[in-house]
Amino acid sequence: MPSDLDPEQNPDLQLLPVRHRPDLVRFLVSGALLGAVLGGVIGYFGPDAANSSLVQEVVLLAAIGAIFVGLLAAVVYLVADRASRRV
């Protein structure tokens, strides 16, 4: 540590706590991508639905997975943000 940043040698120096907040965009994007991949895999390998093609099933379940896991990622973000305030 440089001597000009040492609080013992410079009594006027005030140390402030640094809060490391999680990034909302990263949580939402990673949650949506994970949900889309998971939904697409379930649609591809899952049972066939009547009156729909494989592509329709994969796209529908990928979109639903992206929405629900994206919302779950938002809740996880809120919990992580709340926990970062306590530190």
Protein backbone atom coordinates (compact mmCIF):
# COMPACT_ATOMS: atom_id res chain seq x y z
CA MET A 1 0.00 0.00 0.00
CA PRO A 2 1.45 3.39 -0.91
CA SER A 3 2.30 5.60 2.03
CA ASP A 4 -0.09 8.39 0.97
CA LEU A 5 -3.02 5.91 1.19
CA ASP A 6 -2.06 4.61 4.62
CA PRO A 7 -4.70 5.78 7.15
CA GLU A 8 -2.17 5.74 9.99
CA GLN A 9 0.13 8.24 8.22
CA ASN A 10 -2.69 10.34 6.77
CA PRO A 11 -5.40 10.87 9.41
CA ASP A 12 -7.60 12.93 7.03
CA LEU A 13 -8.03 9.92 4.75
CA GLN A 14 -11.48 8.38 5.07
CA LEU A 15 -12.06 4.77 4.06
CA LEU A 16 -15.47 3.99 2.60
CA PRO A 17 -16.99 0.53 2.21
CA VAL A 18 -17.40 -0.72 -1.34
CA ARG A 19 -20.62 -2.49 -2.26
CA HIS A 20 -20.32 -5.13 -4.96
CA ARG A 21 -23.77 -5.38 -6.55
CA PRO A 22 -24.78 -8.19 -8.89
CA ASP A 23 -25.52 -7.27 -12.50
CA LEU A 24 -29.24 -7.51 -13.38
CA VAL A 25 -28.70 -7.87 -17.12
CA ARG A 26 -26.37 -10.84 -16.68
CA PHE A 27 -28.87 -12.59 -14.42
CA LEU A 28 -31.77 -12.04 -16.81
CA VAL A 29 -29.92 -12.96 -19.99
CA SER A 30 -28.32 -16.07 -18.54
CA GLY A 31 -31.64 -17.17 -17.05
CA ALA A 32 -33.49 -16.66 -20.32
CA LEU A 33 -30.82 -18.50 -22.32
CA LEU A 34 -30.75 -21.37 -19.87
CA GLY A 35 -34.55 -21.60 -19.93
CA ALA A 36 -34.67 -21.51 -23.73
CA VAL A 37 -32.11 -24.29 -24.03
CA LEU A 38 -33.81 -26.37 -21.36
CA GLY A 39 -37.24 -25.88 -22.93
CA GLY A 40 -35.88 -26.68 -26.39
CA VAL A 41 -34.31 -29.89 -25.16
CA ILE A 42 -37.54 -30.92 -23.44
CA GLY A 43 -39.49 -30.12 -26.61
CA TYR A 44 -37.09 -32.09 -28.80
CA PHE A 45 -36.76 -35.19 -26.64
CA GLY A 46 -40.17 -35.09 -24.96
CA PRO A 47 -43.33 -36.85 -26.09
CA ASP A 48 -44.97 -35.75 -29.32
CA ALA A 49 -47.98 -33.45 -29.07
CA ALA A 50 -50.99 -34.02 -31.27
CA ASN A 51 -51.53 -31.67 -34.24
CA SER A 52 -48.13 -29.92 -33.98
CA SER A 53 -44.76 -30.37 -35.60
CA LEU A 54 -41.46 -30.87 -33.85
CA VAL A 55 -40.36 -27.31 -34.64
CA GLN A 56 -43.54 -25.87 -33.13
CA GLU A 57 -43.02 -27.86 -29.93
CA VAL A 58 -39.37 -26.84 -29.60
CA VAL A 59 -40.06 -23.14 -30.23
CA LEU A 60 -43.05 -23.03 -27.88
CA LEU A 61 -41.31 -24.80 -25.02
CA ALA A 62 -38.11 -22.78 -25.55
CA ALA A 63 -40.09 -19.53 -25.29
CA ILE A 64 -41.98 -20.69 -22.20
CA GLY A 65 -38.74 -21.90 -20.60
CA ALA A 66 -37.04 -18.57 -21.34
CA ILE A 67 -39.88 -16.64 -19.71
CA PHE A 68 -40.17 -18.76 -16.57
CA VAL A 69 -36.45 -19.26 -15.93
CA GLY A 70 -35.88 -15.57 -16.71
CA LEU A 71 -38.42 -14.68 -14.01
CA LEU A 72 -36.74 -17.11 -11.63
CA ALA A 73 -33.39 -15.45 -12.41
CA ALA A 74 -34.94 -12.07 -11.53
CA VAL A 75 -35.98 -13.43 -8.13
CA VAL A 76 -32.48 -14.84 -7.58
CA TYR A 77 -31.07 -11.41 -8.51
CA LEU A 78 -33.27 -9.73 -5.90
CA VAL A 79 -32.07 -12.15 -3.23
CA ALA A 80 -28.43 -11.63 -4.24
CA ASP A 81 -28.88 -7.85 -4.29
CA ARG A 82 -30.45 -7.92 -0.82
CA ALA A 83 -27.59 -10.09 0.46
CA SER A 84 -24.99 -7.68 -0.98
CA ARG A 85 -26.43 -4.86 1.15
CA ARG A 86 -25.76 -6.75 4.38
CA VAL A 87 -22.04 -7.10 3.80
